[in-house]
Amino acid sequence: DKNGEIITPQHLAYGNYQLEEAKPKDGYISIKPIPFKIDENAALEDIKDLGTVYTIKVSNDRITGDMELLKIDSETKKPLADIEFKVTALDGLMKGQTWDLKSNDKGIVSLKGLEYGHYKIEEVKTLWNYVINKEPIFFD
């Protein structure tokens, strides 16, 4: 349910079971099946209105990724340093967040640990003898 709780319609008999996730929520990594056993030694607790409950704690990990962009001169193909970019999260948990970045001496701009979602990168400042690329780049 919305609280991450699963309640079976009837008590589970003693035995071996496996908890499997049917489909992960968008932006989350699917969990591996979790085997468990209900027997006379199981850690059960009595909860009012629910009865005897067996609790399994499961952590959900978010999908993250990295972005790397290489800025080069269109003719010489040499990397361009000190070009400024703005990255914007367009949706998801980071929606609206922005990052101001600058290309390094190898022409690379990078961000690590981005949450699952859609992003836009825009060139905002270039070198005096270059023309700004006004076309945003979209990536997931």
N, C-alpha and C. Protein backbone atom coordinates (compact mmCIF):
# COMPACT_ATOMS: atom_id res chain seq x y z
N ASP A 1 0.83 -1.19 0.00
CA ASP A 1 0.00 0.00 0.00
C ASP A 1 0.88 1.26 0.00
N LYS A 2 0.27 2.43 0.18
CA LYS A 2 1.03 3.68 0.12
C LYS A 2 2.08 3.80 1.22
N ASN A 3 1.92 3.01 2.28
CA ASN A 3 2.90 3.02 3.38
C ASN A 3 3.96 1.94 3.23
N GLY A 4 3.89 1.19 2.14
CA GLY A 4 4.87 0.12 1.91
C GLY A 4 4.59 -1.14 2.70
N GLU A 5 3.36 -1.30 3.15
CA GLU A 5 3.00 -2.47 3.96
C GLU A 5 2.18 -3.46 3.14
N ILE A 6 2.44 -4.74 3.38
CA ILE A 6 1.71 -5.81 2.72
C ILE A 6 1.01 -6.62 3.81
N ILE A 7 -0.27 -6.81 3.65
CA ILE A 7 -1.02 -7.63 4.61
C ILE A 7 -1.70 -8.74 3.82
N THR A 8 -1.41 -9.99 4.19
CA THR A 8 -2.03 -11.12 3.50
C THR A 8 -3.46 -11.29 4.00
N PRO A 9 -4.35 -11.78 3.13
CA PRO A 9 -5.76 -11.92 3.52
C PRO A 9 -5.99 -12.94 4.62
N GLN A 10 -5.08 -13.89 4.79
CA GLN A 10 -5.20 -14.86 5.88
C GLN A 10 -3.82 -15.13 6.46
N HIS A 11 -3.78 -15.73 7.64
CA HIS A 11 -2.50 -16.04 8.27
C HIS A 11 -1.71 -17.00 7.39
N LEU A 12 -0.41 -16.81 7.35
CA LEU A 12 0.46 -17.74 6.63
C LEU A 12 0.76 -18.93 7.54
N ALA A 13 0.64 -20.10 6.98
CA ALA A 13 0.96 -21.32 7.74
C ALA A 13 2.48 -21.42 7.89
N TYR A 14 2.92 -22.22 8.86
CA TYR A 14 4.35 -22.44 8.99
C TYR A 14 4.89 -22.94 7.66
N GLY A 15 6.06 -22.43 7.29
CA GLY A 15 6.67 -22.86 6.05
C GLY A 15 7.68 -21.85 5.53
N ASN A 16 8.24 -22.16 4.37
CA ASN A 16 9.21 -21.29 3.71
C ASN A 16 8.49 -20.46 2.65
N TYR A 17 8.83 -19.18 2.60
CA TYR A 17 8.19 -18.26 1.66
C TYR A 17 9.26 -17.39 1.02
N GLN A 18 8.82 -16.65 0.01
CA GLN A 18 9.71 -15.71 -0.65
C GLN A 18 8.91 -14.45 -0.99
N LEU A 19 9.45 -13.30 -0.59
CA LEU A 19 8.84 -12.01 -0.91
C LEU A 19 9.46 -11.52 -2.22
N GLU A 20 8.60 -11.26 -3.22
CA GLU A 20 9.08 -10.78 -4.51
C GLU A 20 8.35 -9.50 -4.88
N GLU A 21 9.08 -8.56 -5.43
CA GLU A 21 8.49 -7.30 -5.88
C GLU A 21 7.96 -7.48 -7.30
N ALA A 22 6.67 -7.21 -7.50
CA ALA A 22 6.08 -7.37 -8.82
C ALA A 22 6.61 -6.31 -9.79
N LYS A 23 6.63 -5.06 -9.35
CA LYS A 23 7.11 -3.96 -10.20
C LYS A 23 7.59 -2.84 -9.29
N PRO A 24 8.84 -2.38 -9.49
CA PRO A 24 9.33 -1.29 -8.64
C PRO A 24 8.67 0.04 -9.02
N LYS A 25 8.61 0.93 -8.08
CA LYS A 25 8.11 2.28 -8.33
C LYS A 25 9.09 2.97 -9.27
N ASP A 26 8.60 3.85 -10.13
CA ASP A 26 9.47 4.59 -11.04
C ASP A 26 10.60 5.26 -10.27
N GLY A 27 11.80 5.11 -10.79
CA GLY A 27 12.96 5.74 -10.17
C GLY A 27 13.66 4.89 -9.13
N TYR A 28 13.17 3.67 -8.92
CA TYR A 28 13.76 2.79 -7.91
C TYR A 28 14.25 1.49 -8.54
N ILE A 29 15.29 0.92 -7.95
CA ILE A 29 15.85 -0.35 -8.39
C ILE A 29 14.99 -1.48 -7.82
N SER A 30 14.70 -2.46 -8.64
CA SER A 30 13.92 -3.62 -8.19
C SER A 30 14.70 -4.40 -7.13
N ILE A 31 13.98 -4.84 -6.09
CA ILE A 31 14.66 -5.61 -5.04
C ILE A 31 14.76 -7.07 -5.46
N LYS A 32 15.77 -7.75 -4.94
CA LYS A 32 15.93 -9.18 -5.18
C LYS A 32 14.94 -9.92 -4.29
N PRO A 33 14.49 -11.11 -4.70
CA PRO A 33 13.59 -11.89 -3.86
C PRO A 33 14.18 -12.12 -2.46
N ILE A 34 13.32 -12.04 -1.45
CA ILE A 34 13.75 -12.20 -0.06
C ILE A 34 13.10 -13.46 0.51
N PRO A 35 13.90 -14.52 0.74
CA PRO A 35 13.33 -15.73 1.34
C PRO A 35 13.12 -15.51 2.85
N PHE A 36 12.06 -16.10 3.39
CA PHE A 36 11.83 -16.06 4.83
C PHE A 36 11.07 -17.30 5.27
N LYS A 37 11.15 -17.56 6.56
CA LYS A 37 10.54 -18.77 7.12
C LYS A 37 9.66 -18.39 8.30
N ILE A 38 8.46 -18.96 8.32
CA ILE A 38 7.58 -18.77 9.46
C ILE A 38 7.48 -20.12 10.17
N ASP A 39 7.92 -20.13 11.42
CA ASP A 39 7.82 -21.33 12.25
C ASP A 39 7.64 -20.90 13.70
N GLU A 40 7.74 -21.85 14.61
CA GLU A 40 7.51 -21.52 16.02
C GLU A 40 8.56 -20.56 16.58
N ASN A 41 9.69 -20.39 15.88
CA ASN A 41 10.76 -19.49 16.34
C ASN A 41 10.73 -18.13 15.63
N ALA A 42 9.79 -17.93 14.72
CA ALA A 42 9.73 -16.67 13.96
C ALA A 42 9.42 -15.50 14.89
N ALA A 43 10.00 -14.35 14.57
CA ALA A 43 9.79 -13.13 15.38
C ALA A 43 8.44 -12.51 15.02
N LEU A 44 7.40 -13.00 15.66
CA LEU A 44 6.04 -12.52 15.40
C LEU A 44 5.65 -11.53 16.49
N GLU A 45 4.79 -10.58 16.14
CA GLU A 45 4.29 -9.66 17.15
C GLU A 45 2.79 -9.50 16.99
N ASP A 46 2.13 -9.27 18.10
CA ASP A 46 0.68 -9.05 18.09
C ASP A 46 0.40 -7.57 17.92
N ILE A 47 -0.40 -7.24 16.92
CA ILE A 47 -0.79 -5.85 16.68
C ILE A 47 -2.31 -5.78 16.71
N LYS A 48 -2.82 -4.87 17.52
CA LYS A 48 -4.27 -4.72 17.67
C LYS A 48 -4.91 -4.52 16.31
N ASP A 49 -6.01 -5.14 16.08
CA ASP A 49 -6.81 -5.08 14.86
C ASP A 49 -6.19 -5.83 13.68
N LEU A 50 -4.92 -6.20 13.77
CA LEU A 50 -4.28 -6.95 12.68
C LEU A 50 -4.01 -8.39 13.06
N GLY A 51 -3.76 -8.62 14.32
CA GLY A 51 -3.43 -9.97 14.76
C GLY A 51 -1.94 -10.17 14.82
N THR A 52 -1.52 -11.40 14.55
CA THR A 52 -0.10 -11.74 14.61
C THR A 52 0.58 -11.32 13.31
N VAL A 53 1.68 -10.59 13.44
CA VAL A 53 2.35 -10.01 12.27
C VAL A 53 3.82 -10.42 12.25
N TYR A 54 4.30 -10.75 11.04
CA TYR A 54 5.72 -11.02 10.81
C TYR A 54 6.24 -9.85 9.99
N THR A 55 7.29 -9.19 10.46
CA THR A 55 7.80 -7.99 9.79
C THR A 55 9.09 -8.31 9.04
N ILE A 56 9.13 -7.86 7.79
CA ILE A 56 10.34 -7.94 6.97
C ILE A 56 10.68 -6.51 6.56
N LYS A 57 11.87 -6.06 6.90
CA LYS A 57 12.28 -4.70 6.52
C LYS A 57 13.00 -4.77 5.18
N VAL A 58 12.57 -3.91 4.27
CA VAL A 58 13.13 -3.88 2.92
C VAL A 58 13.52 -2.44 2.62
N SER A 59 14.73 -2.24 2.11
CA SER A 59 15.11 -0.89 1.71
C SER A 59 15.03 -0.79 0.19
N ASN A 60 14.57 0.34 -0.27
CA ASN A 60 14.47 0.60 -1.70
C ASN A 60 15.54 1.61 -2.09
N ASP A 61 16.31 1.26 -3.09
CA ASP A 61 17.38 2.15 -3.56
C ASP A 61 16.94 2.86 -4.82
N ARG A 62 17.23 4.14 -4.87
CA ARG A 62 16.88 4.94 -6.05
C ARG A 62 17.87 4.67 -7.18
N ILE A 63 17.37 4.82 -8.40
CA ILE A 63 18.22 4.73 -9.58
C ILE A 63 18.96 6.06 -9.71
N THR A 64 20.27 5.99 -9.84
CA THR A 64 21.06 7.20 -10.07
C THR A 64 21.97 6.98 -11.28
N GLY A 65 22.45 8.06 -11.82
CA GLY A 65 23.34 7.97 -12.96
C GLY A 65 24.25 9.18 -13.02
N ASP A 66 25.18 9.13 -13.93
CA ASP A 66 26.15 10.20 -14.10
C ASP A 66 25.99 10.82 -15.48
N MET A 67 26.38 12.08 -15.61
CA MET A 67 26.33 12.78 -16.89
C MET A 67 27.74 13.30 -17.18
N GLU A 68 28.15 13.14 -18.43
CA GLU A 68 29.43 13.70 -18.85
C GLU A 68 29.27 14.26 -20.25
N LEU A 69 29.76 15.48 -20.45
CA LEU A 69 29.68 16.15 -21.74
C LEU A 69 31.08 16.60 -22.12
N LEU A 70 31.43 16.43 -23.38
CA LEU A 70 32.73 16.86 -23.89
C LEU A 70 32.51 18.03 -24.84
N LYS A 71 33.11 19.17 -24.55
CA LYS A 71 32.99 20.37 -25.39
C LYS A 71 34.26 20.51 -26.20
N ILE A 72 34.11 20.48 -27.54
CA ILE A 72 35.27 20.58 -28.42
C ILE A 72 35.05 21.66 -29.47
N ASP A 73 36.14 22.12 -30.05
CA ASP A 73 36.10 23.05 -31.17
C ASP A 73 35.60 22.26 -32.38
N SER A 74 34.65 22.82 -33.12
CA SER A 74 34.04 22.09 -34.23
C SER A 74 35.02 21.82 -35.38
N GLU A 75 36.05 22.65 -35.52
CA GLU A 75 37.00 22.45 -36.62
C GLU A 75 38.24 21.67 -36.19
N THR A 76 38.85 22.10 -35.09
CA THR A 76 40.11 21.46 -34.67
C THR A 76 39.88 20.20 -33.84
N LYS A 77 38.67 20.05 -33.31
CA LYS A 77 38.30 18.92 -32.44
C LYS A 77 39.06 18.93 -31.11
N LYS A 78 39.71 20.06 -30.79
CA LYS A 78 40.42 20.18 -29.51
C LYS A 78 39.42 20.53 -28.41
N PRO A 79 39.66 20.04 -27.19
CA PRO A 79 38.75 20.34 -26.08
C PRO A 79 38.77 21.82 -25.72
N LEU A 80 37.62 22.31 -25.27
CA LEU A 80 37.50 23.72 -24.87
C LEU A 80 37.25 23.81 -23.37
N ALA A 81 38.14 24.52 -22.69
CA ALA A 81 38.01 24.72 -21.24
C ALA A 81 37.25 26.01 -20.95
N ASP A 82 36.71 26.09 -19.73
CA ASP A 82 36.06 27.30 -19.21
C ASP A 82 34.77 27.70 -19.92
N ILE A 83 34.10 26.74 -20.54
CA ILE A 83 32.78 26.99 -21.12
C ILE A 83 31.78 26.72 -19.99
N GLU A 84 30.82 27.64 -19.79
CA GLU A 84 29.89 27.50 -18.68
C GLU A 84 28.55 26.93 -19.14
N PHE A 85 28.03 26.03 -18.31
CA PHE A 85 26.78 25.33 -18.61
C PHE A 85 25.85 25.39 -17.40
N LYS A 86 24.57 25.23 -17.68
CA LYS A 86 23.56 25.12 -16.62
C LYS A 86 22.79 23.84 -16.88
N VAL A 87 22.71 22.97 -15.86
CA VAL A 87 21.94 21.73 -15.94
C VAL A 87 20.70 21.91 -15.08
N THR A 88 19.54 21.52 -15.63
CA THR A 88 18.27 21.65 -14.90
C THR A 88 17.56 20.31 -14.88
N ALA A 89 17.08 19.91 -13.69
CA ALA A 89 16.26 18.71 -13.55
C ALA A 89 14.83 19.08 -13.95
N LEU A 90 14.28 18.37 -14.92
CA LEU A 90 12.95 18.70 -15.46
C LEU A 90 11.82 17.96 -14.76
N ASP A 91 12.11 16.88 -14.06
CA ASP A 91 11.06 16.13 -13.36
C ASP A 91 11.69 15.29 -12.25
N GLY A 92 10.89 14.45 -11.66
CA GLY A 92 11.40 13.55 -10.63
C GLY A 92 11.65 14.23 -9.30
N LEU A 93 12.40 13.56 -8.46
CA LEU A 93 12.66 14.04 -7.10
C LEU A 93 13.47 15.33 -7.07
N MET A 94 14.22 15.61 -8.13
CA MET A 94 15.07 16.80 -8.15
C MET A 94 14.49 17.92 -9.01
N LYS A 95 13.24 17.80 -9.43
CA LYS A 95 12.62 18.77 -10.34
C LYS A 95 12.90 20.21 -9.91
N GLY A 96 13.40 21.01 -10.87
CA GLY A 96 13.67 22.41 -10.63
C GLY A 96 15.07 22.71 -10.13
N GLN A 97 15.78 21.69 -9.67
CA GLN A 97 17.14 21.92 -9.17
C GLN A 97 18.06 22.22 -10.35
N THR A 98 19.02 23.13 -10.14
CA THR A 98 19.96 23.49 -11.19
C THR A 98 21.39 23.38 -10.69
N TRP A 99 22.30 23.18 -11.63
CA TRP A 99 23.73 23.13 -11.34
C TRP A 99 24.44 24.02 -12.35
N ASP A 100 25.34 24.86 -11.89
CA ASP A 100 26.18 25.68 -12.77
C ASP A 100 27.54 25.00 -12.85
N LEU A 101 27.94 24.68 -14.08
CA LEU A 101 29.17 23.91 -14.29
C LEU A 101 30.06 24.60 -15.30
N LYS A 102 31.34 24.25 -15.26
CA LYS A 102 32.31 24.81 -16.21
C LYS A 102 33.18 23.67 -16.73
N SER A 103 33.46 23.67 -18.04
CA SER A 103 34.29 22.61 -18.61
C SER A 103 35.73 22.74 -18.09
N ASN A 104 36.34 21.58 -17.84
CA ASN A 104 37.72 21.57 -17.33
C ASN A 104 38.71 21.68 -18.50
N ASP A 105 39.99 21.55 -18.21
CA ASP A 105 41.01 21.71 -19.26
C ASP A 105 40.95 20.62 -20.32
N LYS A 106 40.21 19.55 -20.06
CA LYS A 106 40.01 18.49 -21.06
C LYS A 106 38.68 18.67 -21.79
N GLY A 107 37.99 19.79 -21.53
CA GLY A 107 36.71 20.08 -22.17
C GLY A 107 35.54 19.31 -21.58
N ILE A 108 35.73 18.72 -20.41
CA ILE A 108 34.71 17.85 -19.82
C ILE A 108 33.90 18.58 -18.75
N VAL A 109 32.60 18.36 -18.80
CA VAL A 109 31.66 18.81 -17.78
C VAL A 109 30.99 17.53 -17.28
N SER A 110 30.91 17.35 -15.96
CA SER A 110 30.29 16.12 -15.46
C SER A 110 29.53 16.36 -14.17
N LEU A 111 28.53 15.50 -13.95
CA LEU A 111 27.75 15.47 -12.71
C LEU A 111 27.58 14.01 -12.32
N LYS A 112 27.75 13.71 -11.06
CA LYS A 112 27.61 12.32 -10.59
C LYS A 112 26.42 12.22 -9.64
N GLY A 113 25.82 11.03 -9.61
CA GLY A 113 24.75 10.75 -8.65
C GLY A 113 23.43 11.44 -8.93
N LEU A 114 23.13 11.68 -10.21
CA LEU A 114 21.85 12.29 -10.55
C LEU A 114 20.72 11.29 -10.34
N GLU A 115 19.62 11.76 -9.80
CA GLU A 115 18.44 10.93 -9.61
C GLU A 115 17.82 10.60 -10.97
N TYR A 116 17.12 9.49 -11.03
CA TYR A 116 16.38 9.05 -12.21
C TYR A 116 15.47 10.19 -12.67
N GLY A 117 15.51 10.54 -13.96
CA GLY A 117 14.65 11.60 -14.47
C GLY A 117 15.16 12.21 -15.76
N HIS A 118 14.51 13.30 -16.17
CA HIS A 118 14.85 14.02 -17.40
C HIS A 118 15.57 15.31 -17.03
N TYR A 119 16.59 15.64 -17.82
CA TYR A 119 17.42 16.81 -17.55
C TYR A 119 17.66 17.60 -18.83
N LYS A 120 18.04 18.86 -18.62
CA LYS A 120 18.38 19.74 -19.75
C LYS A 120 19.71 20.40 -19.42
N ILE A 121 20.60 20.46 -20.41
CA ILE A 121 21.86 21.17 -20.24
C ILE A 121 21.92 22.28 -21.29
N GLU A 122 22.29 23.48 -20.82
CA GLU A 122 22.36 24.64 -21.70
C GLU A 122 23.74 25.29 -21.57
N GLU A 123 24.27 25.71 -22.71
CA GLU A 123 25.52 26.47 -22.70
C GLU A 123 25.14 27.91 -22.37
N VAL A 124 25.76 28.48 -21.34
CA VAL A 124 25.38 29.84 -20.93
C VAL A 124 26.48 30.88 -21.15
N LYS A 125 27.73 30.43 -21.27
CA LYS A 125 28.82 31.36 -21.52
C LYS A 125 29.94 30.62 -22.23
N THR A 126 30.49 31.28 -23.25
CA THR A 126 31.56 30.66 -24.02
C THR A 126 32.77 31.59 -24.06
N LEU A 127 33.79 31.19 -24.76
CA LEU A 127 34.99 32.01 -24.92
C LEU A 127 34.69 33.17 -25.88
N TRP A 128 35.46 34.23 -25.78
CA TRP A 128 35.19 35.46 -26.55
C TRP A 128 35.13 35.24 -28.06
N ASN A 129 35.88 34.29 -28.58
CA ASN A 129 35.95 34.08 -30.03
C ASN A 129 35.07 32.92 -30.53
N TYR A 130 34.09 32.53 -29.72
CA TYR A 130 33.17 31.45 -30.10
C TYR A 130 31.73 31.93 -30.00
N VAL A 131 30.85 31.24 -30.70
CA VAL A 131 29.42 31.53 -30.64
C VAL A 131 28.77 30.52 -29.71
N ILE A 132 27.90 31.01 -28.81
CA ILE A 132 27.19 30.12 -27.88
C ILE A 132 26.28 29.18 -28.65
N ASN A 133 26.28 27.92 -28.25
CA ASN A 133 25.32 26.96 -28.81
C ASN A 133 24.01 27.16 -28.05
N LYS A 134 23.01 27.69 -28.72
CA LYS A 134 21.73 28.01 -28.06
C LYS A 134 20.76 26.84 -28.01
N GLU A 135 21.15 25.71 -28.59
CA GLU A 135 20.28 24.53 -28.58
C GLU A 135 20.51 23.73 -27.30
N PRO A 136 19.49 23.62 -26.44
CA PRO A 136 19.67 22.81 -25.23
C PRO A 136 19.80 21.33 -25.59
N ILE A 137 20.46 20.61 -24.72
CA ILE A 137 20.61 19.16 -24.88
C ILE A 137 19.78 18.51 -23.77
N PHE A 138 18.92 17.58 -24.15
CA PHE A 138 18.08 16.87 -23.19
C PHE A 138 18.63 15.47 -23.00
N PHE A 139 18.61 15.00 -21.76
CA PHE A 139 19.08 13.64 -21.50
C PHE A 139 18.32 13.05 -20.32
N ASP A 140 18.34 11.71 -20.24
CA ASP A 140 17.69 10.97 -19.16
C ASP A 140 18.73 10.24 -18.35
